[in-house]
PDB file of N, CA and C in Angstrom:
ATOM      1  N   MET A   1       0.836  -1.169   0.000  1.00  0.00           N
ATOM      2  CA  MET A   1       0.000   0.000   0.000  1.00  0.00           C
ATOM      3  C   MET A   1       0.890   1.245   0.000  1.00  0.00           C
ATOM      4  N   ILE A   2       0.577   2.193  -0.852  1.00  0.00           N
ATOM      5  CA  ILE A   2       1.297   3.465  -0.924  1.00  0.00           C
ATOM      6  C   ILE A   2       0.421   4.533  -0.279  1.00  0.00           C
ATOM      7  N   THR A   3       1.027   5.403   0.504  1.00  0.00           N
ATOM      8  CA  THR A   3       0.244   6.424   1.185  1.00  0.00           C
ATOM      9  C   THR A   3       1.071   7.684   1.400  1.00  0.00           C
ATOM     10  N   PHE A   4       0.386   8.797   1.681  1.00  0.00           N
ATOM     11  CA  PHE A   4       1.039  10.055   2.053  1.00  0.00           C
ATOM     12  C   PHE A   4       0.644  10.347   3.489  1.00  0.00           C
ATOM     13  N   VAL A   5       1.635  10.625   4.328  1.00  0.00           N
ATOM     14  CA  VAL A   5       1.385  10.909   5.739  1.00  0.00           C
ATOM     15  C   VAL A   5       1.941  12.289   6.056  1.00  0.00           C
ATOM     16  N   PRO A   6       1.075  13.270   6.338  1.00  0.00           N
ATOM     17  CA  PRO A   6       1.570  14.605   6.691  1.00  0.00           C
ATOM     18  C   PRO A   6       2.346  14.559   8.004  1.00  0.00           C
ATOM     19  N   PHE A   7       3.366  15.405   8.107  1.00  0.00           N
ATOM     20  CA  PHE A   7       4.088  15.539   9.360  1.00  0.00           C
ATOM     21  C   PHE A   7       3.201  16.258  10.365  1.00  0.00           C
ATOM     22  N   ALA A   8       3.330  15.881  11.616  1.00  0.00           N
ATOM     23  CA  ALA A   8       2.645  16.612  12.682  1.00  0.00           C
ATOM     24  C   ALA A   8       3.304  17.984  12.808  1.00  0.00           C
ATOM     25  N   ASP A   9       2.538  18.980  13.209  1.00  0.00           N
ATOM     26  CA  ASP A   9       3.081  20.331  13.386  1.00  0.00           C
ATOM     27  C   ASP A   9       4.317  20.285  14.280  1.00  0.00           C
ATOM     28  N   GLY A  10       5.379  20.927  13.831  1.00  0.00           N
ATOM     29  CA  GLY A  10       6.585  21.049  14.628  1.00  0.00           C
ATOM     30  C   GLY A  10       7.550  19.890  14.538  1.00  0.00           C
ATOM     31  N   ILE A  11       7.230  18.852  13.757  1.00  0.00           N
ATOM     32  CA  ILE A  11       8.127  17.705  13.690  1.00  0.00           C
ATOM     33  C   ILE A  11       9.407  18.013  12.918  1.00  0.00           C
ATOM     34  N   LEU A  12       9.301  18.895  11.926  1.00  0.00           N
ATOM     35  CA  LEU A  12      10.496  19.288  11.179  1.00  0.00           C
ATOM     36  C   LEU A  12      11.312  20.253  12.018  1.00  0.00           C
ATOM     37  N   LYS A  13      12.617  20.148  11.907  1.00  0.00           N
ATOM     38  CA  LYS A  13      13.478  21.101  12.608  1.00  0.00           C
ATOM     39  C   LYS A  13      13.317  22.489  12.018  1.00  0.00           C
ATOM     40  N   ASN A  14      12.985  22.547  10.723  1.00  0.00           N
ATOM     41  CA  ASN A  14      12.822  23.816  10.030  1.00  0.00           C
ATOM     42  C   ASN A  14      11.339  24.197  10.017  1.00  0.00           C
ATOM     43  N   GLN A  15      10.861  24.788  11.100  1.00  0.00           N
ATOM     44  CA  GLN A  15       9.450  25.138  11.185  1.00  0.00           C
ATOM     45  C   GLN A  15       9.085  26.271  10.242  1.00  0.00           C
ATOM     46  N   THR A  16      10.077  27.064   9.833  1.00  0.00           N
ATOM     47  CA  THR A  16       9.829  28.107   8.841  1.00  0.00           C
ATOM     48  C   THR A  16       9.380  27.475   7.532  1.00  0.00           C
ATOM     49  N   LEU A  17       9.988  26.359   7.163  1.00  0.00           N
ATOM     50  CA  LEU A  17       9.615  25.656   5.937  1.00  0.00           C
ATOM     51  C   LEU A  17       8.179  25.154   6.025  1.00  0.00           C
ATOM     52  N   GLU A  18       7.806  24.608   7.158  1.00  0.00           N
ATOM     53  CA  GLU A  18       6.426  24.157   7.355  1.00  0.00           C
ATOM     54  C   GLU A  18       5.449  25.311   7.197  1.00  0.00           C
ATOM     55  N   ALA A  19       5.789  26.463   7.781  1.00  0.00           N
ATOM     56  CA  ALA A  19       4.919  27.636   7.707  1.00  0.00           C
ATOM     57  C   ALA A  19       4.793  28.134   6.272  1.00  0.00           C
ATOM     58  N   LYS A  20       5.920  28.185   5.542  1.00  0.00           N
ATOM     59  CA  LYS A  20       5.891  28.608   4.133  1.00  0.00           C
ATOM     60  C   LYS A  20       4.988  27.683   3.334  1.00  0.00           C
ATOM     61  N   ALA A  21       5.174  26.380   3.497  1.00  0.00           N
ATOM     62  CA  ALA A  21       4.383  25.405   2.751  1.00  0.00           C
ATOM     63  C   ALA A  21       2.899  25.582   3.054  1.00  0.00           C
ATOM     64  N   SER A  22       2.571  25.772   4.301  1.00  0.00           N
ATOM     65  CA  SER A  22       1.183  25.943   4.704  1.00  0.00           C
ATOM     66  C   SER A  22       0.570  27.189   4.060  1.00  0.00           C
ATOM     67  N   ARG A  23       1.312  28.295   4.055  1.00  0.00           N
ATOM     68  CA  ARG A  23       0.816  29.528   3.413  1.00  0.00           C
ATOM     69  C   ARG A  23       0.577  29.333   1.923  1.00  0.00           C
ATOM     70  N   LEU A  24       1.326  28.413   1.311  1.00  0.00           N
ATOM     71  CA  LEU A  24       1.199  28.154  -0.122  1.00  0.00           C
ATOM     72  C   LEU A  24       0.146  27.090  -0.429  1.00  0.00           C
ATOM     73  N   GLY A  25      -0.539  26.590   0.602  1.00  0.00           N
ATOM     74  CA  GLY A  25      -1.556  25.560   0.405  1.00  0.00           C
ATOM     75  C   GLY A  25      -0.977  24.172   0.236  1.00  0.00           C
ATOM     76  N   LEU A  26       0.248  23.967   0.721  1.00  0.00           N
ATOM     77  CA  LEU A  26       0.935  22.690   0.575  1.00  0.00           C
ATOM     78  C   LEU A  26       1.135  22.040   1.939  1.00  0.00           C
ATOM     79  N   THR A  27       1.248  20.725   1.934  1.00  0.00           N
ATOM     80  CA  THR A  27       1.499  19.954   3.144  1.00  0.00           C
ATOM     81  C   THR A  27       2.762  19.137   2.939  1.00  0.00           C
ATOM     82  N   ILE A  28       3.674  19.188   3.906  1.00  0.00           N
ATOM     83  CA  ILE A  28       4.905  18.408   3.848  1.00  0.00           C
ATOM     84  C   ILE A  28       4.710  17.144   4.671  1.00  0.00           C
ATOM     85  N   GLY A  29       5.190  16.024   4.144  1.00  0.00           N
ATOM     86  CA  GLY A  29       5.066  14.766   4.867  1.00  0.00           C
ATOM     87  C   GLY A  29       5.946  13.716   4.236  1.00  0.00           C
ATOM     88  N   THR A  30       5.556  12.474   4.401  1.00  0.00           N
ATOM     89  CA  THR A  30       6.282  11.376   3.781  1.00  0.00           C
ATOM     90  C   THR A  30       5.344  10.609   2.867  1.00  0.00           C
ATOM     91  N   ALA A  31       5.889  10.116   1.784  1.00  0.00           N
ATOM     92  CA  ALA A  31       5.135   9.285   0.849  1.00  0.00           C
ATOM     93  C   ALA A  31       5.912   7.995   0.702  1.00  0.00           C
ATOM     94  N   GLY A  32       5.255   6.876   0.883  1.00  0.00           N
ATOM     95  CA  GLY A  32       6.000   5.637   0.793  1.00  0.00           C
ATOM     96  C   GLY A  32       5.133   4.414   0.783  1.00  0.00           C
ATOM     97  N   ALA A  33       5.815   3.303   0.754  1.00  0.00           N
ATOM     98  CA  ALA A  33       5.160   2.005   0.694  1.00  0.00           C
ATOM     99  C   ALA A  33       5.188   1.358   2.071  1.00  0.00           C
ATOM    100  N   VAL A  34       4.069   0.842   2.454  1.00  0.00           N
ATOM    101  CA  VAL A  34       3.975   0.133   3.722  1.00  0.00           C
ATOM    102  C   VAL A  34       3.936  -1.362   3.417  1.00  0.00           C
ATOM    103  N   SER A  35       4.825  -2.111   4.050  1.00  0.00           N
ATOM    104  CA  SER A  35       4.793  -3.565   3.926  1.00  0.00           C
ATOM    105  C   SER A  35       4.877  -4.155   5.326  1.00  0.00           C
ATOM    106  N   LYS A  36       4.812  -5.470   5.422  1.00  0.00           N
ATOM    107  CA  LYS A  36       4.873  -6.109   6.736  1.00  0.00           C
ATOM    108  C   LYS A  36       6.196  -5.840   7.433  1.00  0.00           C
ATOM    109  N   SER A  37       7.274  -5.711   6.654  1.00  0.00           N
ATOM    110  CA  SER A  37       8.594  -5.628   7.269  1.00  0.00           C
ATOM    111  C   SER A  37       9.146  -4.211   7.412  1.00  0.00           C
ATOM    112  N   ASN A  38       8.665  -3.277   6.625  1.00  0.00           N
ATOM    113  CA  ASN A  38       9.260  -1.937   6.719  1.00  0.00           C
ATOM    114  C   ASN A  38       8.367  -0.861   6.122  1.00  0.00           C
ATOM    115  N   TRP A  39       8.845   0.352   6.265  1.00  0.00           N
ATOM    116  CA  TRP A  39       8.196   1.545   5.705  1.00  0.00           C
ATOM    117  C   TRP A  39       9.252   2.250   4.886  1.00  0.00           C
ATOM    118  N   ASN A  40       9.163   2.145   3.573  1.00  0.00           N
ATOM    119  CA  ASN A  40      10.105   2.823   2.677  1.00  0.00           C
ATOM    120  C   ASN A  40       9.496   4.164   2.316  1.00  0.00           C
ATOM    121  N   ASN A  41      10.137   5.247   2.742  1.00  0.00           N
ATOM    122  CA  ASN A  41       9.496   6.532   2.516  1.00  0.00           C
ATOM    123  C   ASN A  41      10.455   7.565   1.951  1.00  0.00           C
ATOM    124  N   GLU A  42       9.857   8.588   1.387  1.00  0.00           N
ATOM    125  CA  GLU A  42      10.565   9.745   0.862  1.00  0.00           C
ATOM    126  C   GLU A  42       9.840  10.986   1.362  1.00  0.00           C
ATOM    127  N   LEU A  43      10.540  12.095   1.371  1.00  0.00           N
ATOM    128  CA  LEU A  43       9.891  13.364   1.688  1.00  0.00           C
ATOM    129  C   LEU A  43       8.879  13.669   0.598  1.00  0.00           C
ATOM    130  N   GLY A  44       7.762  14.224   0.979  1.00  0.00           N
ATOM    131  CA  GLY A  44       6.734  14.507  -0.006  1.00  0.00           C
ATOM    132  C   GLY A  44       6.008  15.814   0.237  1.00  0.00           C
ATOM    133  N   VAL A  45       5.368  16.293  -0.837  1.00  0.00           N
ATOM    134  CA  VAL A  45       4.533  17.490  -0.773  1.00  0.00           C
ATOM    135  C   VAL A  45       3.201  17.142  -1.422  1.00  0.00           C
ATOM    136  N   ALA A  46       2.137  17.477  -0.721  1.00  0.00           N
ATOM    137  CA  ALA A  46       0.793  17.249  -1.240  1.00  0.00           C
ATOM    138  C   ALA A  46       0.004  18.539  -1.066  1.00  0.00           C
ATOM    139  N   GLY A  47      -1.219  18.521  -1.538  1.00  0.00           N
ATOM    140  CA  GLY A  47      -2.071  19.707  -1.440  1.00  0.00           C
ATOM    141  C   GLY A  47      -2.345  20.269  -2.818  1.00  0.00           C
ATOM    142  N   ASP A  48      -2.462  21.582  -2.906  1.00  0.00           N
ATOM    143  CA  ASP A  48      -2.763  22.268  -4.160  1.00  0.00           C
ATOM    144  C   ASP A  48      -1.487  22.370  -5.001  1.00  0.00           C
ATOM    145  N   THR A  49      -1.055  21.245  -5.573  1.00  0.00           N
ATOM    146  CA  THR A  49       0.236  21.196  -6.260  1.00  0.00           C
ATOM    147  C   THR A  49       0.153  21.375  -7.776  1.00  0.00           C
ATOM    148  N   TYR A  50      -1.026  21.230  -8.357  1.00  0.00           N
ATOM    149  CA  TYR A  50      -1.107  21.282  -9.823  1.00  0.00           C
ATOM    150  C   TYR A  50      -0.566  22.602 -10.365  1.00  0.00           C
ATOM    151  N   ARG A  51      -0.876  23.686  -9.713  1.00  0.00           N
ATOM    152  CA  ARG A  51      -0.457  25.012 -10.195  1.00  0.00           C
ATOM    153  C   ARG A  51       1.049  25.231 -10.094  1.00  0.00           C
ATOM    154  N   VAL A  52       1.737  24.434  -9.286  1.00  0.00           N
ATOM    155  CA  VAL A  52       3.185  24.608  -9.096  1.00  0.00           C
ATOM    156  C   VAL A  52       3.982  23.383  -9.535  1.00  0.00           C
ATOM    157  N   LYS A  53       3.357  22.489 -10.290  1.00  0.00           N
ATOM    158  CA  LYS A  53       4.018  21.237 -10.660  1.00  0.00           C
ATOM    159  C   LYS A  53       5.300  21.460 -11.451  1.00  0.00           C
ATOM    160  N   ASP A  54       5.342  22.469 -12.301  1.00  0.00           N
ATOM    161  CA  ASP A  54       6.559  22.716 -13.080  1.00  0.00           C
ATOM    162  C   ASP A  54       7.716  23.151 -12.180  1.00  0.00           C
ATOM    163  N   THR A  55       7.426  23.949 -11.177  1.00  0.00           N
ATOM    164  CA  THR A  55       8.459  24.374 -10.225  1.00  0.00           C
ATOM    165  C   THR A  55       8.925  23.183  -9.399  1.00  0.00           C
ATOM    166  N   LEU A  56       7.996  22.331  -8.991  1.00  0.00           N
ATOM    167  CA  LEU A  56       8.372  21.138  -8.233  1.00  0.00           C
ATOM    168  C   LEU A  56       9.289  20.250  -9.064  1.00  0.00           C
ATOM    169  N   LYS A  57       8.911  19.999 -10.328  1.00  0.00           N
ATOM    170  CA  LYS A  57       9.738  19.170 -11.210  1.00  0.00           C
ATOM    171  C   LYS A  57      11.104  19.784 -11.439  1.00  0.00           C
ATOM    172  N   ALA A  58      11.158  21.103 -11.617  1.00  0.00           N
ATOM    173  CA  ALA A  58      12.429  21.786 -11.852  1.00  0.00           C
ATOM    174  C   ALA A  58      13.370  21.674 -10.654  1.00  0.00           C
ATOM    175  N   ASN A  59      12.805  21.396  -9.487  1.00  0.00           N
ATOM    176  CA  ASN A  59      13.612  21.257  -8.278  1.00  0.00           C
ATOM    177  C   ASN A  59      13.790  19.797  -7.869  1.00  0.00           C
ATOM    178  N   GLY A  60      13.578  18.893  -8.796  1.00  0.00           N
ATOM    179  CA  GLY A  60      13.893  17.483  -8.570  1.00  0.00           C
ATOM    180  C   GLY A  60      12.777  16.606  -8.057  1.00  0.00           C
ATOM    181  N   ALA A  61      11.567  17.121  -7.971  1.00  0.00           N
ATOM    182  CA  ALA A  61      10.454  16.311  -7.465  1.00  0.00           C
ATOM    183  C   ALA A  61       9.981  15.321  -8.523  1.00  0.00           C
ATOM    184  N   ARG A  62       9.481  14.199  -8.033  1.00  0.00           N
ATOM    185  CA  ARG A  62       8.855  13.189  -8.893  1.00  0.00           C
ATOM    186  C   ARG A  62       7.443  12.937  -8.390  1.00  0.00           C
ATOM    187  N   TRP A  63       6.499  12.802  -9.312  1.00  0.00           N
ATOM    188  CA  TRP A  63       5.111  12.563  -8.937  1.00  0.00           C
ATOM    189  C   TRP A  63       4.931  11.101  -8.553  1.00  0.00           C
ATOM    190  N   ASN A  64       4.326  10.862  -7.398  1.00  0.00           N
ATOM    191  CA  ASN A  64       3.969   9.524  -6.956  1.00  0.00           C
ATOM    192  C   ASN A  64       2.449   9.457  -6.994  1.00  0.00           C
ATOM    193  N   GLY A  65       1.939   8.906  -8.078  1.00  0.00           N
ATOM    194  CA  GLY A  65       0.501   8.875  -8.288  1.00  0.00           C
ATOM    195  C   GLY A  65      -0.260   8.061  -7.259  1.00  0.00           C
ATOM    196  N   LEU A  66       0.350   7.010  -6.758  1.00  0.00           N
ATOM    197  CA  LEU A  66      -0.329   6.195  -5.756  1.00  0.00           C
ATOM    198  C   LEU A  66      -0.490   6.939  -4.438  1.00  0.00           C
ATOM    199  N   ALA A  67       0.524   7.708  -4.070  1.00  0.00           N
ATOM    200  CA  ALA A  67       0.458   8.493  -2.835  1.00  0.00           C
ATOM    201  C   ALA A  67      -0.203   9.850  -3.060  1.00  0.00           C
ATOM    202  N   LYS A  68      -0.357  10.230  -4.339  1.00  0.00           N
ATOM    203  CA  LYS A  68      -0.898  11.540  -4.712  1.00  0.00           C
ATOM    204  C   LYS A  68      -0.073  12.667  -4.084  1.00  0.00           C
ATOM    205  N   ALA A  69       1.260  12.549  -4.260  1.00  0.00           N
ATOM    206  CA  ALA A  69       2.186  13.525  -3.693  1.00  0.00           C
ATOM    207  C   ALA A  69       3.438  13.594  -4.568  1.00  0.00           C
ATOM    208  N   TRP A  70       4.113  14.738  -4.515  1.00  0.00           N
ATOM    209  CA  TRP A  70       5.411  14.906  -5.166  1.00  0.00           C
ATOM    210  C   TRP A  70       6.472  14.499  -4.155  1.00  0.00           C
ATOM    211  N   THR A  71       7.437  13.700  -4.584  1.00  0.00           N
ATOM    212  CA  THR A  71       8.462  13.233  -3.657  1.00  0.00           C
ATOM    213  C   THR A  71       9.827  13.808  -4.012  1.00  0.00           C
ATOM    214  N   PHE A  72      10.653  13.927  -2.986  1.00  0.00           N
ATOM    215  CA  PHE A  72      11.997  14.500  -3.107  1.00  0.00           C
ATOM    216  C   PHE A  72      13.014  13.542  -2.507  1.00  0.00           C
ATOM    217  N   SER A  73      14.217  13.564  -3.070  1.00  0.00           N
ATOM    218  CA  SER A  73      15.275  12.679  -2.576  1.00  0.00           C
ATOM    219  C   SER A  73      16.013  13.262  -1.376  1.00  0.00           C
ATOM    220  N   SER A  74      15.843  14.567  -1.120  1.00  0.00           N
ATOM    221  CA  SER A  74      16.551  15.184   0.002  1.00  0.00           C
ATOM    222  C   SER A  74      15.761  16.367   0.552  1.00  0.00           C
ATOM    223  N   MET A  75      16.073  16.706   1.783  1.00  0.00           N
ATOM    224  CA  MET A  75      15.452  17.873   2.415  1.00  0.00           C
ATOM    225  C   MET A  75      15.868  19.149   1.687  1.00  0.00           C
ATOM    226  N   GLU A  76      17.111  19.192   1.201  1.00  0.00           N
ATOM    227  CA  GLU A  76      17.601  20.374   0.477  1.00  0.00           C
ATOM    228  C   GLU A  76      16.775  20.628  -0.779  1.00  0.00           C
ATOM    229  N   ALA A  77      16.446  19.566  -1.516  1.00  0.00           N
ATOM    230  CA  ALA A  77      15.637  19.713  -2.727  1.00  0.00           C
ATOM    231  C   ALA A  77      14.234  20.199  -2.377  1.00  0.00           C
ATOM    232  N   LEU A  78      13.676  19.675  -1.298  1.00  0.00           N
ATOM    233  CA  LEU A  78      12.355  20.103  -0.844  1.00  0.00           C
ATOM    234  C   LEU A  78      12.373  21.581  -0.454  1.00  0.00           C
ATOM    235  N   GLU A  79      13.376  21.995   0.308  1.00  0.00           N
ATOM    236  CA  GLU A  79      13.499  23.399   0.704  1.00  0.00           C
ATOM    237  C   GLU A  79      13.639  24.299  -0.512  1.00  0.00           C
ATOM    238  N   SER A  80      14.443  23.881  -1.476  1.00  0.00           N
ATOM    239  CA  SER A  80      14.648  24.658  -2.695  1.00  0.00           C
ATOM    240  C   SER A  80      13.325  24.851  -3.440  1.00  0.00           C
ATOM    241  N   ALA A  81      12.537  23.798  -3.528  1.00  0.00           N
ATOM    242  CA  ALA A  81      11.254  23.868  -4.229  1.00  0.00           C
ATOM    243  C   ALA A  81      10.284  24.821  -3.522  1.00  0.00           C
ATOM    244  N   ILE A  82      10.174  24.699  -2.206  1.00  0.00           N
ATOM    245  CA  ILE A  82       9.266  25.572  -1.447  1.00  0.00           C
ATOM    246  C   ILE A  82       9.681  27.022  -1.582  1.00  0.00           C
ATOM    247  N   ASN A  83      10.979  27.279  -1.492  1.00  0.00           N
ATOM    248  CA  ASN A  83      11.484  28.653  -1.634  1.00  0.00           C
ATOM    249  C   ASN A  83      11.212  29.193  -3.033  1.00  0.00           C
ATOM    250  N   ALA A  84      11.392  28.365  -4.070  1.00  0.00           N
ATOM    251  CA  ALA A  84      11.145  28.802  -5.449  1.00  0.00           C
ATOM    252  C   ALA A  84       9.660  29.116  -5.667  1.00  0.00           C
ATOM    253  N   ILE A  85       8.792  28.313  -5.087  1.00  0.00           N
ATOM    254  CA  ILE A  85       7.350  28.556  -5.212  1.00  0.00           C
ATOM    255  C   ILE A  85       6.989  29.868  -4.524  1.00  0.00           C
ATOM    256  N   GLU A  86       7.542  30.092  -3.349  1.00  0.00           N
ATOM    257  CA  GLU A  86       7.248  31.320  -2.616  1.00  0.00           C
ATOM    258  C   GLU A  86       7.741  32.544  -3.377  1.00  0.00           C
ATOM    259  N   GLU A  87       8.941  32.470  -3.964  1.00  0.00           N
ATOM    260  CA  GLU A  87       9.487  33.598  -4.725  1.00  0.00           C
ATOM    261  C   GLU A  87       8.663  33.897  -5.967  1.00  0.00           C
ATOM    262  N   ALA A  88       8.121  32.867  -6.612  1.00  0.00           N
ATOM    263  CA  ALA A  88       7.349  33.053  -7.838  1.00  0.00           C
ATOM    264  C   ALA A  88       5.950  33.602  -7.553  1.00  0.00           C
ATOM    265  N   LYS A  89       5.513  33.518  -6.332  1.00  0.00           N
ATOM    266  CA  LYS A  89       4.156  33.940  -5.980  1.00  0.00           C
ATOM    267  C   LYS A  89       3.986  35.423  -6.033  1.00  0.00           C
TER     268      LYS A  89
END
């Protein structure tokens, strides 16, 4: 099963990033596969993403259709994407 799980408020060390994402109508969390033995996850962004999909892709995001979220390989890539979306607004 693939799912998207939003982070609880304050779980990220960078709470400014959480606040920026929230103002942009986005939710930061994890997207991954749940199996009996483990949870394979990646950082993810969900919410009103269609309008910013090109910016997300330009910053290294990949669409995970099963989780209905854009996933990132690193926190740095996620931060870069959120900052780029905020600057373009």
